[in-house]
Amino acid sequence: MAEEIILLDFWPSMFGMKVRIALTEKGLKYERREENLLNKSPLLLEMNPIHKKVPVLIHNGKPICESQIIVQYIDEVWKDKSPLLPSDPYERAKARFWADYIDKKRPNIAYENATKEGLSFFS
């Protein structure tokens, strides 16, 4: 059976970008479906009924939500392809620290810079 990998995404999303990078690093072929966040698709609402947000990875019909969890899932399922984290436990911990830092700090910076320039992703 061929694997089906679908990514529900929104192009400027840093969280979606993280998942796209992980899929590319692993050399995985996937279908990317762009979501309109002002008019969410029935598929997005079905696959992420709690948060109703992107990204969502759908692997053989099963949804995985939240970018950090998706990246960990990708690394665990396709462990025979280039690992996303270092093998040394300390180096892995450092990589996880920086991933967490970026998740918590960068979106605010990107939003603040966009609003200073008068930009909006939802106009």
PDB file of N, CA and C in Angstrom:
ATOM      1  N   MET A   1       0.843  -1.192   0.000  1.00  0.00           N
ATOM      2  CA  MET A   1       0.000   0.000   0.000  1.00  0.00           C
ATOM      3  C   MET A   1       0.890   1.258   0.000  1.00  0.00           C
ATOM      4  N   ALA A   2       0.609   2.141  -0.901  1.00  0.00           N
ATOM      5  CA  ALA A   2       1.359   3.399  -0.977  1.00  0.00           C
ATOM      6  C   ALA A   2       0.941   4.306   0.178  1.00  0.00           C
ATOM      7  N   GLU A   3       1.915   5.016   0.707  1.00  0.00           N
ATOM      8  CA  GLU A   3       1.616   5.930   1.802  1.00  0.00           C
ATOM      9  C   GLU A   3       1.006   7.214   1.257  1.00  0.00           C
ATOM     10  N   GLU A   4      -0.017   7.697   1.952  1.00  0.00           N
ATOM     11  CA  GLU A   4      -0.638   8.961   1.584  1.00  0.00           C
ATOM     12  C   GLU A   4      -0.270   9.986   2.651  1.00  0.00           C
ATOM     13  N   ILE A   5       0.368  11.049   2.218  1.00  0.00           N
ATOM     14  CA  ILE A   5       0.763  12.122   3.127  1.00  0.00           C
ATOM     15  C   ILE A   5       0.184  13.422   2.582  1.00  0.00           C
ATOM     16  N   ILE A   6      -0.659  14.054   3.377  1.00  0.00           N
ATOM     17  CA  ILE A   6      -1.274  15.328   3.010  1.00  0.00           C
ATOM     18  C   ILE A   6      -0.926  16.328   4.106  1.00  0.00           C
ATOM     19  N   LEU A   7      -0.560  17.531   3.706  1.00  0.00           N
ATOM     20  CA  LEU A   7      -0.284  18.597   4.662  1.00  0.00           C
ATOM     21  C   LEU A   7      -1.273  19.726   4.435  1.00  0.00           C
ATOM     22  N   LEU A   8      -2.090  20.007   5.440  1.00  0.00           N
ATOM     23  CA  LEU A   8      -2.967  21.178   5.418  1.00  0.00           C
ATOM     24  C   LEU A   8      -2.144  22.326   5.969  1.00  0.00           C
ATOM     25  N   ASP A   9      -2.060  23.414   5.203  1.00  0.00           N
ATOM     26  CA  ASP A   9      -1.062  24.434   5.492  1.00  0.00           C
ATOM     27  C   ASP A   9      -1.576  25.813   5.071  1.00  0.00           C
ATOM     28  N   PHE A  10      -0.855  26.836   5.499  1.00  0.00           N
ATOM     29  CA  PHE A  10      -1.094  28.218   5.104  1.00  0.00           C
ATOM     30  C   PHE A  10       0.279  28.791   4.796  1.00  0.00           C
ATOM     31  N   TRP A  11       0.517  29.248   3.576  1.00  0.00           N
ATOM     32  CA  TRP A  11       1.873  29.526   3.094  1.00  0.00           C
ATOM     33  C   TRP A  11       2.734  30.396   4.000  1.00  0.00           C
ATOM     34  N   PRO A  12       2.240  31.463   4.657  1.00  0.00           N
ATOM     35  CA  PRO A  12       3.174  32.251   5.474  1.00  0.00           C
ATOM     36  C   PRO A  12       3.409  31.687   6.882  1.00  0.00           C
ATOM     37  N   SER A  13       2.779  30.578   7.211  1.00  0.00           N
ATOM     38  CA  SER A  13       2.883  30.032   8.563  1.00  0.00           C
ATOM     39  C   SER A  13       4.283  29.491   8.834  1.00  0.00           C
ATOM     40  N   MET A  14       4.924  30.023   9.866  1.00  0.00           N
ATOM     41  CA  MET A  14       6.228  29.509  10.284  1.00  0.00           C
ATOM     42  C   MET A  14       6.100  28.082  10.790  1.00  0.00           C
ATOM     43  N   PHE A  15       4.958  27.759  11.376  1.00  0.00           N
ATOM     44  CA  PHE A  15       4.744  26.409  11.892  1.00  0.00           C
ATOM     45  C   PHE A  15       4.608  25.419  10.738  1.00  0.00           C
ATOM     46  N   GLY A  16       3.891  25.834   9.692  1.00  0.00           N
ATOM     47  CA  GLY A  16       3.790  24.999   8.504  1.00  0.00           C
ATOM     48  C   GLY A  16       5.132  24.842   7.810  1.00  0.00           C
ATOM     49  N   MET A  17       5.909  25.923   7.801  1.00  0.00           N
ATOM     50  CA  MET A  17       7.229  25.872   7.177  1.00  0.00           C
ATOM     51  C   MET A  17       8.113  24.837   7.863  1.00  0.00           C
ATOM     52  N   LYS A  18       8.018  24.774   9.185  1.00  0.00           N
ATOM     53  CA  LYS A  18       8.816  23.804   9.938  1.00  0.00           C
ATOM     54  C   LYS A  18       8.487  22.381   9.475  1.00  0.00           C
ATOM     55  N   VAL A  19       7.202  22.098   9.273  1.00  0.00           N
ATOM     56  CA  VAL A  19       6.770  20.770   8.824  1.00  0.00           C
ATOM     57  C   VAL A  19       7.224  20.521   7.380  1.00  0.00           C
ATOM     58  N   ARG A  20       7.093  21.535   6.520  1.00  0.00           N
ATOM     59  CA  ARG A  20       7.539  21.386   5.132  1.00  0.00           C
ATOM     60  C   ARG A  20       9.033  21.072   5.069  1.00  0.00           C
ATOM     61  N   ILE A  21       9.820  21.729   5.911  1.00  0.00           N
ATOM     62  CA  ILE A  21      11.266  21.479   5.955  1.00  0.00           C
ATOM     63  C   ILE A  21      11.536  20.040   6.394  1.00  0.00           C
ATOM     64  N   ALA A  22      10.838  19.576   7.419  1.00  0.00           N
ATOM     65  CA  ALA A  22      11.042  18.202   7.906  1.00  0.00           C
ATOM     66  C   ALA A  22      10.692  17.180   6.830  1.00  0.00           C
ATOM     67  N   LEU A  23       9.575  17.383   6.138  1.00  0.00           N
ATOM     68  CA  LEU A  23       9.180  16.463   5.065  1.00  0.00           C
ATOM     69  C   LEU A  23      10.214  16.453   3.944  1.00  0.00           C
ATOM     70  N   THR A  24      10.723  17.632   3.601  1.00  0.00           N
ATOM     71  CA  THR A  24      11.725  17.738   2.543  1.00  0.00           C
ATOM     72  C   THR A  24      13.039  17.094   2.963  1.00  0.00           C
ATOM     73  N   GLU A  25      13.463  17.340   4.199  1.00  0.00           N
ATOM     74  CA  GLU A  25      14.705  16.739   4.704  1.00  0.00           C
ATOM     75  C   GLU A  25      14.637  15.219   4.668  1.00  0.00           C
ATOM     76  N   LYS A  26      13.468  14.675   4.925  1.00  0.00           N
ATOM     77  CA  LYS A  26      13.281  13.222   4.901  1.00  0.00           C
ATOM     78  C   LYS A  26      13.096  12.693   3.479  1.00  0.00           C
ATOM     79  N   GLY A  27      12.948  13.598   2.517  1.00  0.00           N
ATOM     80  CA  GLY A  27      12.774  13.183   1.134  1.00  0.00           C
ATOM     81  C   GLY A  27      11.409  12.580   0.858  1.00  0.00           C
ATOM     82  N   LEU A  28      10.399  13.019   1.606  1.00  0.00           N
ATOM     83  CA  LEU A  28       9.054  12.442   1.480  1.00  0.00           C
ATOM     84  C   LEU A  28       8.220  13.221   0.470  1.00  0.00           C
ATOM     85  N   LYS A  29       7.477  12.498  -0.332  1.00  0.00           N
ATOM     86  CA  LYS A  29       6.542  13.123  -1.264  1.00  0.00           C
ATOM     87  C   LYS A  29       5.213  13.287  -0.540  1.00  0.00           C
ATOM     88  N   TYR A  30       4.631  14.470  -0.675  1.00  0.00           N
ATOM     89  CA  TYR A  30       3.372  14.748   0.008  1.00  0.00           C
ATOM     90  C   TYR A  30       2.544  15.716  -0.815  1.00  0.00           C
ATOM     91  N   GLU A  31       1.256  15.719  -0.522  1.00  0.00           N
ATOM     92  CA  GLU A  31       0.342  16.664  -1.158  1.00  0.00           C
ATOM     93  C   GLU A  31       0.121  17.814  -0.191  1.00  0.00           C
ATOM     94  N   ARG A  32       0.380  19.015  -0.645  1.00  0.00           N
ATOM     95  CA  ARG A  32       0.172  20.200   0.195  1.00  0.00           C
ATOM     96  C   ARG A  32      -1.131  20.867  -0.218  1.00  0.00           C
ATOM     97  N   ARG A  33      -1.993  21.096   0.767  1.00  0.00           N
ATOM     98  CA  ARG A  33      -3.262  21.770   0.501  1.00  0.00           C
ATOM     99  C   ARG A  33      -3.302  23.086   1.265  1.00  0.00           C
ATOM    100  N   GLU A  34      -3.389  24.150   0.509  1.00  0.00           N
ATOM    101  CA  GLU A  34      -3.433  25.497   1.074  1.00  0.00           C
ATOM    102  C   GLU A  34      -4.801  25.732   1.720  1.00  0.00           C
ATOM    103  N   GLU A  35      -4.792  26.242   2.931  1.00  0.00           N
ATOM    104  CA  GLU A  35      -6.025  26.559   3.658  1.00  0.00           C
ATOM    105  C   GLU A  35      -6.283  28.055   3.636  1.00  0.00           C
ATOM    106  N   ASN A  36      -7.530  28.416   3.525  1.00  0.00           N
ATOM    107  CA  ASN A  36      -7.968  29.793   3.690  1.00  0.00           C
ATOM    108  C   ASN A  36      -8.410  29.918   5.149  1.00  0.00           C
ATOM    109  N   LEU A  37      -7.651  30.647   5.944  1.00  0.00           N
ATOM    110  CA  LEU A  37      -7.931  30.702   7.378  1.00  0.00           C
ATOM    111  C   LEU A  37      -9.189  31.498   7.720  1.00  0.00           C
ATOM    112  N   LEU A  38      -9.702  32.248   6.762  1.00  0.00           N
ATOM    113  CA  LEU A  38     -10.966  32.955   6.985  1.00  0.00           C
ATOM    114  C   LEU A  38     -12.164  32.110   6.572  1.00  0.00           C
ATOM    115  N   ASN A  39     -11.903  31.064   5.812  1.00  0.00           N
ATOM    116  CA  ASN A  39     -12.955  30.164   5.349  1.00  0.00           C
ATOM    117  C   ASN A  39     -12.388  28.744   5.387  1.00  0.00           C
ATOM    118  N   LYS A  40     -12.274  28.185   6.589  1.00  0.00           N
ATOM    119  CA  LYS A  40     -11.598  26.903   6.786  1.00  0.00           C
ATOM    120  C   LYS A  40     -12.372  25.770   6.119  1.00  0.00           C
ATOM    121  N   SER A  41     -11.610  24.868   5.523  1.00  0.00           N
ATOM    122  CA  SER A  41     -12.214  23.756   4.796  1.00  0.00           C
ATOM    123  C   SER A  41     -12.849  22.755   5.757  1.00  0.00           C
ATOM    124  N   PRO A  42     -13.851  22.018   5.273  1.00  0.00           N
ATOM    125  CA  PRO A  42     -14.435  20.950   6.091  1.00  0.00           C
ATOM    126  C   PRO A  42     -13.380  19.920   6.510  1.00  0.00           C
ATOM    127  N   LEU A  43     -12.384  19.670   5.631  1.00  0.00           N
ATOM    128  CA  LEU A  43     -11.334  18.713   5.978  1.00  0.00           C
ATOM    129  C   LEU A  43     -10.517  19.196   7.179  1.00  0.00           C
ATOM    130  N   LEU A  44     -10.142  20.470   7.195  1.00  0.00           N
ATOM    131  CA  LEU A  44      -9.393  21.013   8.333  1.00  0.00           C
ATOM    132  C   LEU A  44     -10.217  20.910   9.612  1.00  0.00           C
ATOM    133  N   LEU A  45     -11.475  21.276   9.544  1.00  0.00           N
ATOM    134  CA  LEU A  45     -12.329  21.234  10.730  1.00  0.00           C
ATOM    135  C   LEU A  45     -12.534  19.806  11.220  1.00  0.00           C
ATOM    136  N   GLU A  46     -12.542  18.860  10.294  1.00  0.00           N
ATOM    137  CA  GLU A  46     -12.681  17.448  10.673  1.00  0.00           C
ATOM    138  C   GLU A  46     -11.392  16.900  11.272  1.00  0.00           C
ATOM    139  N   MET A  47     -10.251  17.276  10.679  1.00  0.00           N
ATOM    140  CA  MET A  47      -8.968  16.719  11.096  1.00  0.00           C
ATOM    141  C   MET A  47      -8.386  17.397  12.336  1.00  0.00           C
ATOM    142  N   ASN A  48      -8.790  18.627  12.610  1.00  0.00           N
ATOM    143  CA  ASN A  48      -8.317  19.331  13.805  1.00  0.00           C
ATOM    144  C   ASN A  48      -9.518  20.007  14.473  1.00  0.00           C
ATOM    145  N   PRO A  49     -10.437  19.204  15.015  1.00  0.00           N
ATOM    146  CA  PRO A  49     -11.670  19.770  15.576  1.00  0.00           C
ATOM    147  C   PRO A  49     -11.456  20.550  16.876  1.00  0.00           C
ATOM    148  N   ILE A  50     -10.348  20.351  17.547  1.00  0.00           N
ATOM    149  CA  ILE A  50     -10.090  21.049  18.816  1.00  0.00           C
ATOM    150  C   ILE A  50      -9.619  22.477  18.560  1.00  0.00           C
ATOM    151  N   HIS A  51      -8.514  22.625  17.828  1.00  0.00           N
ATOM    152  CA  HIS A  51      -7.924  23.953  17.605  1.00  0.00           C
ATOM    153  C   HIS A  51      -8.336  24.586  16.280  1.00  0.00           C
ATOM    154  N   LYS A  52      -8.710  23.742  15.312  1.00  0.00           N
ATOM    155  CA  LYS A  52      -9.154  24.235  13.999  1.00  0.00           C
ATOM    156  C   LYS A  52      -8.094  25.109  13.325  1.00  0.00           C
ATOM    157  N   LYS A  53      -6.827  24.680  13.419  1.00  0.00           N
ATOM    158  CA  LYS A  53      -5.752  25.483  12.835  1.00  0.00           C
ATOM    159  C   LYS A  53      -4.749  24.595  12.113  1.00  0.00           C
ATOM    160  N   VAL A  54      -3.923  25.234  11.299  1.00  0.00           N
ATOM    161  CA  VAL A  54      -2.863  24.548  10.565  1.00  0.00           C
ATOM    162  C   VAL A  54      -1.546  24.698  11.320  1.00  0.00           C
ATOM    163  N   PRO A  55      -0.597  23.835  11.048  1.00  0.00           N
ATOM    164  CA  PRO A  55      -0.597  22.747  10.092  1.00  0.00           C
ATOM    165  C   PRO A  55      -1.232  21.485  10.663  1.00  0.00           C
ATOM    166  N   VAL A  56      -1.707  20.645   9.742  1.00  0.00           N
ATOM    167  CA  VAL A  56      -2.179  19.306  10.081  1.00  0.00           C
ATOM    168  C   VAL A  56      -1.562  18.363   9.061  1.00  0.00           C
ATOM    169  N   LEU A  57      -0.893  17.337   9.553  1.00  0.00           N
ATOM    170  CA  LEU A  57      -0.371  16.288   8.691  1.00  0.00           C
ATOM    171  C   LEU A  57      -1.376  15.142   8.728  1.00  0.00           C
ATOM    172  N   ILE A  58      -1.779  14.683   7.559  1.00  0.00           N
ATOM    173  CA  ILE A  58      -2.683  13.542   7.476  1.00  0.00           C
ATOM    174  C   ILE A  58      -1.893  12.404   6.852  1.00  0.00           C
ATOM    175  N   HIS A  59      -1.637  11.380   7.649  1.00  0.00           N
ATOM    176  CA  HIS A  59      -0.840  10.235   7.199  1.00  0.00           C
ATOM    177  C   HIS A  59      -1.747   9.021   7.125  1.00  0.00           C
ATOM    178  N   ASN A  60      -1.997   8.567   5.902  1.00  0.00           N
ATOM    179  CA  ASN A  60      -2.898   7.434   5.674  1.00  0.00           C
ATOM    180  C   ASN A  60      -4.236   7.624   6.378  1.00  0.00           C
ATOM    181  N   GLY A  61      -4.768   8.847   6.288  1.00  0.00           N
ATOM    182  CA  GLY A  61      -6.086   9.149   6.836  1.00  0.00           C
ATOM    183  C   GLY A  61      -6.114   9.531   8.300  1.00  0.00           C
ATOM    184  N   LYS A  62      -4.967   9.476   8.968  1.00  0.00           N
ATOM    185  CA  LYS A  62      -4.909   9.794  10.401  1.00  0.00           C
ATOM    186  C   LYS A  62      -4.260  11.164  10.598  1.00  0.00           C
ATOM    187  N   PRO A  63      -4.952  12.084  11.307  1.00  0.00           N
ATOM    188  CA  PRO A  63      -4.406  13.431  11.489  1.00  0.00           C
ATOM    189  C   PRO A  63      -3.414  13.527  12.646  1.00  0.00           C
ATOM    190  N   ILE A  64      -2.375  14.324  12.437  1.00  0.00           N
ATOM    191  CA  ILE A  64      -1.433  14.696  13.490  1.00  0.00           C
ATOM    192  C   ILE A  64      -1.402  16.220  13.484  1.00  0.00           C
ATOM    193  N   CYS A  65      -1.624  16.818  14.646  1.00  0.00           N
ATOM    194  CA  CYS A  65      -1.730  18.277  14.760  1.00  0.00           C
ATOM    195  C   CYS A  65      -0.590  18.829  15.612  1.00  0.00           C
ATOM    196  N   GLU A  66      -0.332  20.122  15.461  1.00  0.00           N
ATOM    197  CA  GLU A  66       0.695  20.878  16.178  1.00  0.00           C
ATOM    198  C   GLU A  66       2.069  20.593  15.578  1.00  0.00           C
ATOM    199  N   SER A  67       2.713  21.628  15.090  1.00  0.00           N
ATOM    200  CA  SER A  67       3.936  21.489  14.304  1.00  0.00           C
ATOM    201  C   SER A  67       5.040  20.695  14.992  1.00  0.00           C
ATOM    202  N   GLN A  68       5.297  20.958  16.254  1.00  0.00           N
ATOM    203  CA  GLN A  68       6.378  20.252  16.941  1.00  0.00           C
ATOM    204  C   GLN A  68       6.064  18.761  17.051  1.00  0.00           C
ATOM    205  N   ILE A  69       4.814  18.434  17.310  1.00  0.00           N
ATOM    206  CA  ILE A  69       4.396  17.028  17.392  1.00  0.00           C
ATOM    207  C   ILE A  69       4.490  16.383  16.012  1.00  0.00           C
ATOM    208  N   ILE A  70       4.108  17.115  14.970  1.00  0.00           N
ATOM    209  CA  ILE A  70       4.194  16.599  13.603  1.00  0.00           C
ATOM    210  C   ILE A  70       5.645  16.288  13.242  1.00  0.00           C
ATOM    211  N   VAL A  71       6.558  17.203  13.552  1.00  0.00           N
ATOM    212  CA  VAL A  71       7.977  16.994  13.231  1.00  0.00           C
ATOM    213  C   VAL A  71       8.510  15.769  13.968  1.00  0.00           C
ATOM    214  N   GLN A  72       8.163  15.611  15.232  1.00  0.00           N
ATOM    215  CA  GLN A  72       8.594  14.427  15.987  1.00  0.00           C
ATOM    216  C   GLN A  72       8.020  13.156  15.363  1.00  0.00           C
ATOM    217  N   TYR A  73       6.763  13.205  14.964  1.00  0.00           N
ATOM    218  CA  TYR A  73       6.114  12.062  14.324  1.00  0.00           C
ATOM    219  C   TYR A  73       6.851  11.689  13.034  1.00  0.00           C
ATOM    220  N   ILE A  74       7.143  12.676  12.206  1.00  0.00           N
ATOM    221  CA  ILE A  74       7.859  12.440  10.947  1.00  0.00           C
ATOM    222  C   ILE A  74       9.194  11.762  11.227  1.00  0.00           C
ATOM    223  N   ASP A  75       9.927  12.257  12.216  1.00  0.00           N
ATOM    224  CA  ASP A  75      11.238  11.700  12.534  1.00  0.00           C
ATOM    225  C   ASP A  75      11.123  10.265  13.051  1.00  0.00           C
ATOM    226  N   GLU A  76      10.073   9.968  13.803  1.00  0.00           N
ATOM    227  CA  GLU A  76       9.895   8.613  14.352  1.00  0.00           C
ATOM    228  C   GLU A  76       9.401   7.627  13.304  1.00  0.00           C
ATOM    229  N   VAL A  77       8.463   8.038  12.468  1.00  0.00           N
ATOM    230  CA  VAL A  77       7.892   7.122  11.474  1.00  0.00           C
ATOM    231  C   VAL A  77       8.908   6.794  10.375  1.00  0.00           C
ATOM    232  N   TRP A  78       9.631   7.786   9.912  1.00  0.00           N
ATOM    233  CA  TRP A  78      10.606   7.593   8.843  1.00  0.00           C
ATOM    234  C   TRP A  78      12.021   7.684   9.408  1.00  0.00           C
ATOM    235  N   LYS A  79      12.295   6.886  10.443  1.00  0.00           N
ATOM    236  CA  LYS A  79      13.587   6.945  11.133  1.00  0.00           C
ATOM    237  C   LYS A  79      14.735   6.405  10.287  1.00  0.00           C
ATOM    238  N   ASP A  80      14.413   5.655   9.213  1.00  0.00           N
ATOM    239  CA  ASP A  80      15.460   5.127   8.343  1.00  0.00           C
ATOM    240  C   ASP A  80      16.010   6.187   7.391  1.00  0.00           C
ATOM    241  N   LYS A  81      15.351   7.342   7.325  1.00  0.00           N
ATOM    242  CA  LYS A  81      15.813   8.441   6.471  1.00  0.00           C
ATOM    243  C   LYS A  81      16.454   9.503   7.351  1.00  0.00           C
ATOM    244  N   SER A  82      17.326  10.297   6.801  1.00  0.00           N
ATOM    245  CA  SER A  82      18.121  11.279   7.546  1.00  0.00           C
ATOM    246  C   SER A  82      17.444  11.806   8.804  1.00  0.00           C
ATOM    247  N   PRO A  83      18.041  11.528   9.972  1.00  0.00           N
ATOM    248  CA  PRO A  83      17.464  11.987  11.243  1.00  0.00           C
ATOM    249  C   PRO A  83      17.421  13.512  11.320  1.00  0.00           C
ATOM    250  N   LEU A  84      16.370  14.013  11.938  1.00  0.00           N
ATOM    251  CA  LEU A  84      16.209  15.461  12.068  1.00  0.00           C
ATOM    252  C   LEU A  84      16.935  16.025  13.282  1.00  0.00           C
ATOM    253  N   LEU A  85      17.216  15.178  14.255  1.00  0.00           N
ATOM    254  CA  LEU A  85      17.907  15.612  15.472  1.00  0.00           C
ATOM    255  C   LEU A  85      19.241  14.887  15.611  1.00  0.00           C
ATOM    256  N   PRO A  86      20.191  15.503  16.306  1.00  0.00           N
ATOM    257  CA  PRO A  86      21.486  14.842  16.536  1.00  0.00           C
ATOM    258  C   PRO A  86      21.317  13.571  17.369  1.00  0.00           C
ATOM    259  N   SER A  87      22.265  12.657  17.268  1.00  0.00           N
ATOM    260  CA  SER A  87      22.184  11.401  18.035  1.00  0.00           C
ATOM    261  C   SER A  87      22.594  11.604  19.495  1.00  0.00           C
ATOM    262  N   ASP A  88      23.436  12.601  19.772  1.00  0.00           N
ATOM    263  CA  ASP A  88      23.883  12.869  21.144  1.00  0.00           C
ATOM    264  C   ASP A  88      22.742  13.486  21.958  1.00  0.00           C
ATOM    265  N   PRO A  89      22.420  12.917  23.127  1.00  0.00           N
ATOM    266  CA  PRO A  89      21.300  13.427  23.923  1.00  0.00           C
ATOM    267  C   PRO A  89      21.416  14.908  24.295  1.00  0.00           C
ATOM    268  N   TYR A  90      22.616  15.370  24.625  1.00  0.00           N
ATOM    269  CA  TYR A  90      22.783  16.776  24.981  1.00  0.00           C
ATOM    270  C   TYR A  90      22.527  17.675  23.773  1.00  0.00           C
ATOM    271  N   GLU A  91      23.072  17.294  22.631  1.00  0.00           N
ATOM    272  CA  GLU A  91      22.861  18.079  21.411  1.00  0.00           C
ATOM    273  C   GLU A  91      21.387  18.069  21.007  1.00  0.00           C
ATOM    274  N   ARG A  92      20.687  16.937  21.202  1.00  0.00           N
ATOM    275  CA  ARG A  92      19.249  16.876  20.934  1.00  0.00           C
ATOM    276  C   ARG A  92      18.493  17.837  21.846  1.00  0.00           C
ATOM    277  N   ALA A  93      18.882  17.860  23.123  1.00  0.00           N
ATOM    278  CA  ALA A  93      18.226  18.760  24.080  1.00  0.00           C
ATOM    279  C   ALA A  93      18.418  20.220  23.660  1.00  0.00           C
ATOM    280  N   LYS A  94      19.616  20.570  23.219  1.00  0.00           N
ATOM    281  CA  LYS A  94      19.863  21.939  22.751  1.00  0.00           C
ATOM    282  C   LYS A  94      19.008  22.258  21.528  1.00  0.00           C
ATOM    283  N   ALA A  95      18.909  21.340  20.604  1.00  0.00           N
ATOM    284  CA  ALA A  95      18.085  21.561  19.398  1.00  0.00           C
ATOM    285  C   ALA A  95      16.621  21.747  19.784  1.00  0.00           C
ATOM    286  N   ARG A  96      16.140  20.946  20.724  1.00  0.00           N
ATOM    287  CA  ARG A  96      14.744  21.084  21.174  1.00  0.00           C
ATOM    288  C   ARG A  96      14.517  22.412  21.885  1.00  0.00           C
ATOM    289  N   PHE A  97      15.506  22.860  22.659  1.00  0.00           N
ATOM    290  CA  PHE A  97      15.396  24.153  23.327  1.00  0.00           C
ATOM    291  C   PHE A  97      15.189  25.264  22.298  1.00  0.00           C
ATOM    292  N   TRP A  98      16.032  25.284  21.250  1.00  0.00           N
ATOM    293  CA  TRP A  98      15.944  26.347  20.249  1.00  0.00           C
ATOM    294  C   TRP A  98      14.660  26.249  19.431  1.00  0.00           C
ATOM    295  N   ALA A  99      14.202  25.043  19.157  1.00  0.00           N
ATOM    296  CA  ALA A  99      12.921  24.886  18.448  1.00  0.00           C
ATOM    297  C   ALA A  99      11.786  25.446  19.300  1.00  0.00           C
ATOM    298  N   ASP A 100      11.813  25.167  20.585  1.00  0.00           N
ATOM    299  CA  ASP A 100      10.793  25.686  21.497  1.00  0.00           C
ATOM    300  C   ASP A 100      10.881  27.211  21.604  1.00  0.00           C
ATOM    301  N   TYR A 101      12.091  27.726  21.684  1.00  0.00           N
ATOM    302  CA  TYR A 101      12.296  29.172  21.762  1.00  0.00           C
ATOM    303  C   TYR A 101      11.701  29.868  20.537  1.00  0.00           C
ATOM    304  N   ILE A 102      12.015  29.335  19.360  1.00  0.00           N
ATOM    305  CA  ILE A 102      11.499  29.931  18.127  1.00  0.00           C
ATOM    306  C   ILE A 102       9.977  29.860  18.082  1.00  0.00           C
ATOM    307  N   ASP A 103       9.419  28.722  18.493  1.00  0.00           N
ATOM    308  CA  ASP A 103       7.950  28.580  18.514  1.00  0.00           C
ATOM    309  C   ASP A 103       7.301  29.649  19.384  1.00  0.00           C
ATOM    310  N   LYS A 104       7.943  29.987  20.487  1.00  0.00           N
ATOM    311  CA  LYS A 104       7.338  30.925  21.437  1.00  0.00           C
ATOM    312  C   LYS A 104       7.661  32.381  21.142  1.00  0.00           C
ATOM    313  N   LYS A 105       8.810  32.668  20.551  1.00  0.00           N
ATOM    314  CA  LYS A 105       9.238  34.055  20.365  1.00  0.00           C
ATOM    315  C   LYS A 105       9.046  34.582  18.952  1.00  0.00           C
ATOM    316  N   ARG A 106       9.389  33.820  17.946  1.00  0.00           N
ATOM    317  CA  ARG A 106       9.387  34.316  16.567  1.00  0.00           C
ATOM    318  C   ARG A 106       8.018  34.721  16.044  1.00  0.00           C
ATOM    319  N   PRO A 107       6.942  33.985  16.302  1.00  0.00           N
ATOM    320  CA  PRO A 107       5.651  34.430  15.749  1.00  0.00           C
ATOM    321  C   PRO A 107       5.280  35.838  16.202  1.00  0.00           C
ATOM    322  N   ASN A 108       5.564  36.173  17.432  1.00  0.00           N
ATOM    323  CA  ASN A 108       5.253  37.512  17.920  1.00  0.00           C
ATOM    324  C   ASN A 108       6.081  38.566  17.192  1.00  0.00           C
ATOM    325  N   ILE A 109       7.345  38.273  16.971  1.00  0.00           N
ATOM    326  CA  ILE A 109       8.215  39.217  16.275  1.00  0.00           C
ATOM    327  C   ILE A 109       7.730  39.413  14.841  1.00  0.00           C
ATOM    328  N   ALA A 110       7.401  38.311  14.156  1.00  0.00           N
ATOM    329  CA  ALA A 110       6.917  38.408  12.772  1.00  0.00           C
ATOM    330  C   ALA A 110       5.623  39.214  12.719  1.00  0.00           C
ATOM    331  N   TYR A 111       4.718  38.982  13.655  1.00  0.00           N
ATOM    332  CA  TYR A 111       3.448  39.710  13.679  1.00  0.00           C
ATOM    333  C   TYR A 111       3.688  41.197  13.943  1.00  0.00           C
ATOM    334  N   GLU A 112       4.549  41.496  14.922  1.00  0.00           N
ATOM    335  CA  GLU A 112       4.834  42.900  15.247  1.00  0.00           C
ATOM    336  C   GLU A 112       5.452  43.627  14.059  1.00  0.00           C
ATOM    337  N   ASN A 113       6.391  42.975  13.371  1.00  0.00           N
ATOM    338  CA  ASN A 113       7.016  43.606  12.207  1.00  0.00           C
ATOM    339  C   ASN A 113       6.013  43.812  11.085  1.00  0.00           C
ATOM    340  N   ALA A 114       5.142  42.843  10.863  1.00  0.00           N
ATOM    341  CA  ALA A 114       4.143  42.963   9.797  1.00  0.00           C
ATOM    342  C   ALA A 114       3.165  44.096  10.098  1.00  0.00           C
ATOM    343  N   THR A 115       2.732  44.218  11.342  1.00  0.00           N
ATOM    344  CA  THR A 115       1.768  45.269  11.672  1.00  0.00           C
ATOM    345  C   THR A 115       2.425  46.645  11.635  1.00  0.00           C
ATOM    346  N   LYS A 116       3.714  46.737  11.958  1.00  0.00           N
ATOM    347  CA  LYS A 116       4.429  48.016  11.851  1.00  0.00           C
ATOM    348  C   LYS A 116       4.460  48.490  10.403  1.00  0.00           C
ATOM    349  N   GLU A 117       4.555  47.532   9.490  1.00  0.00           N
ATOM    350  CA  GLU A 117       4.595  47.862   8.057  1.00  0.00           C
ATOM    351  C   GLU A 117       3.203  47.991   7.456  1.00  0.00           C
ATOM    352  N   GLY A 118       2.174  47.805   8.286  1.00  0.00           N
ATOM    353  CA  GLY A 118       0.813  47.913   7.792  1.00  0.00           C
ATOM    354  C   GLY A 118       0.337  46.691   7.023  1.00  0.00           C
ATOM    355  N   LEU A 119       1.028  45.553   7.237  1.00  0.00           N
ATOM    356  CA  LEU A 119       0.672  44.327   6.523  1.00  0.00           C
ATOM    357  C   LEU A 119      -0.297  43.502   7.344  1.00  0.00           C
ATOM    358  N   SER A 120      -1.088  42.726   6.652  1.00  0.00           N
ATOM    359  CA  SER A 120      -1.986  41.805   7.319  1.00  0.00           C
ATOM    360  C   SER A 120      -2.128  40.560   6.465  1.00  0.00           C
ATOM    361  N   PHE A 121      -2.089  39.384   7.086  1.00  0.00           N
ATOM    362  CA  PHE A 121      -2.299  38.138   6.368  1.00  0.00           C
ATOM    363  C   PHE A 121      -3.783  37.908   6.116  1.00  0.00           C
ATOM    364  N   PHE A 122      -4.637  38.704   6.734  1.00  0.00           N
ATOM    365  CA  PHE A 122      -6.082  38.448   6.682  1.00  0.00           C
ATOM    366  C   PHE A 122      -6.853  39.562   6.022  1.00  0.00           C
ATOM    367  N   SER A 123      -6.198  40.390   5.215  1.00  0.00           N
ATOM    368  CA  SER A 123      -6.921  41.486   4.585  1.00  0.00           C
ATOM    369  C   SER A 123      -7.562  41.060   3.283  1.00  0.00           C
TER     370      SER A 123
END
